[in-house]
């Protein structure tokens, strides 16, 4: 953990595992799409895509 991690949102943490967990809580579809496209870790990108898909399906159903 970097010292700067204290001052940034969890989805911007230096640890990819922390970012993956943070993505699971996000509801902002624009932010999730940005993370899915731009994160350095492919696992975080995939987690963001999956979360985005789940949110979009939920919106369509309700």
C-alpha atoms as a PDB file:
ATOM      1  CA  UNK A   1       0.000   0.000   0.000  1.00  0.00           C
ATOM      2  CA  UNK A   2       1.273   3.381  -0.973  1.00  0.00           C
ATOM      3  CA  UNK A   3       0.906   6.396   1.265  1.00  0.00           C
ATOM      4  CA  UNK A   4      -1.074   8.132  -1.482  1.00  0.00           C
ATOM      5  CA  UNK A   5      -3.675   5.319  -1.359  1.00  0.00           C
ATOM      6  CA  UNK A   6      -5.038   6.939   1.786  1.00  0.00           C
ATOM      7  CA  UNK A   7      -6.140   9.986  -0.198  1.00  0.00           C
ATOM      8  CA  UNK A   8      -7.725   8.421  -3.287  1.00  0.00           C
ATOM      9  CA  UNK A   9     -10.987   6.517  -3.827  1.00  0.00           C
ATOM     10  CA  UNK A  10     -10.602   2.752  -3.550  1.00  0.00           C
ATOM     11  CA  UNK A  11     -11.161   2.263  -7.257  1.00  0.00           C
ATOM     12  CA  UNK A  12      -7.932   4.253  -7.762  1.00  0.00           C
ATOM     13  CA  UNK A  13      -5.904   2.295  -5.184  1.00  0.00           C
ATOM     14  CA  UNK A  14      -2.500   0.984  -6.269  1.00  0.00           C
ATOM     15  CA  UNK A  15      -3.513  -2.581  -5.344  1.00  0.00           C
ATOM     16  CA  UNK A  16      -5.574  -4.272  -8.098  1.00  0.00           C
ATOM     17  CA  UNK A  17      -7.373  -6.494  -5.560  1.00  0.00           C
ATOM     18  CA  UNK A  18      -8.610  -3.417  -3.697  1.00  0.00           C
ATOM     19  CA  UNK A  19      -9.756  -1.894  -7.006  1.00  0.00           C
ATOM     20  CA  UNK A  20     -11.655  -5.091  -7.910  1.00  0.00           C
ATOM     21  CA  UNK A  21     -13.514  -5.025  -4.591  1.00  0.00           C
ATOM     22  CA  UNK A  22     -14.286  -1.333  -5.046  1.00  0.00           C
ATOM     23  CA  UNK A  23     -15.687  -1.931  -8.526  1.00  0.00           C
ATOM     24  CA  UNK A  24     -18.224  -4.353  -7.042  1.00  0.00           C
ATOM     25  CA  UNK A  25     -19.740  -1.478  -5.044  1.00  0.00           C
ATOM     26  CA  UNK A  26     -19.849   1.142  -7.789  1.00  0.00           C
ATOM     27  CA  UNK A  27     -23.148   2.105  -9.390  1.00  0.00           C
ATOM     28  CA  UNK A  28     -21.881   4.843 -11.704  1.00  0.00           C
ATOM     29  CA  UNK A  29     -22.069   3.274 -15.164  1.00  0.00           C
ATOM     30  CA  UNK A  30     -19.928   5.982 -16.785  1.00  0.00           C
ATOM     31  CA  UNK A  31     -17.175   5.446 -14.238  1.00  0.00           C
ATOM     32  CA  UNK A  32     -17.389   1.667 -14.613  1.00  0.00           C
ATOM     33  CA  UNK A  33     -17.091   1.981 -18.392  1.00  0.00           C
ATOM     34  CA  UNK A  34     -14.023   4.182 -17.957  1.00  0.00           C
ATOM     35  CA  UNK A  35     -12.422   1.710 -15.557  1.00  0.00           C
ATOM     36  CA  UNK A  36     -13.232  -1.181 -17.899  1.00  0.00           C
ATOM     37  CA  UNK A  37     -11.396   0.590 -20.714  1.00  0.00           C
ATOM     38  CA  UNK A  38      -8.476   2.216 -18.935  1.00  0.00           C
ATOM     39  CA  UNK A  39      -7.377   0.283 -15.850  1.00  0.00           C
ATOM     40  CA  UNK A  40      -3.848  -1.130 -16.005  1.00  0.00           C
ATOM     41  CA  UNK A  41      -4.926  -4.506 -14.628  1.00  0.00           C
ATOM     42  CA  UNK A  42      -6.928  -6.791 -16.922  1.00  0.00           C
ATOM     43  CA  UNK A  43      -8.668  -8.374 -13.923  1.00  0.00           C
ATOM     44  CA  UNK A  44      -9.970  -4.999 -12.801  1.00  0.00           C
ATOM     45  CA  UNK A  45     -11.134  -4.243 -16.355  1.00  0.00           C
ATOM     46  CA  UNK A  46     -12.992  -7.534 -16.474  1.00  0.00           C
ATOM     47  CA  UNK A  47     -14.565  -6.969 -13.045  1.00  0.00           C
ATOM     48  CA  UNK A  48     -15.740  -3.514 -14.169  1.00  0.00           C
ATOM     49  CA  UNK A  49     -17.245  -4.962 -17.363  1.00  0.00           C
ATOM     50  CA  UNK A  50     -19.087  -7.653 -15.437  1.00  0.00           C
ATOM     51  CA  UNK A  51     -20.407  -5.139 -12.903  1.00  0.00           C
ATOM     52  CA  UNK A  52     -21.518  -2.854 -15.711  1.00  0.00           C
ATOM     53  CA  UNK A  53     -23.320  -5.743 -17.424  1.00  0.00           C
ATOM     54  CA  UNK A  54     -25.114  -6.674 -14.191  1.00  0.00           C
ATOM     55  CA  UNK A  55     -26.228  -3.080 -13.612  1.00  0.00           C
ATOM     56  CA  UNK A  56     -27.499  -2.735 -17.166  1.00  0.00           C
ATOM     57  CA  UNK A  57     -29.446  -6.002 -16.958  1.00  0.00           C
ATOM     58  CA  UNK A  58     -30.946  -4.886 -13.657  1.00  0.00           C
ATOM     59  CA  UNK A  59     -32.063  -1.580 -15.210  1.00  0.00           C
ATOM     60  CA  UNK A  60     -33.678  -3.376 -18.139  1.00  0.00           C
ATOM     61  CA  UNK A  61     -35.576  -5.796 -15.912  1.00  0.00           C
ATOM     62  CA  UNK A  62     -36.990  -3.144 -13.584  1.00  0.00           C
END
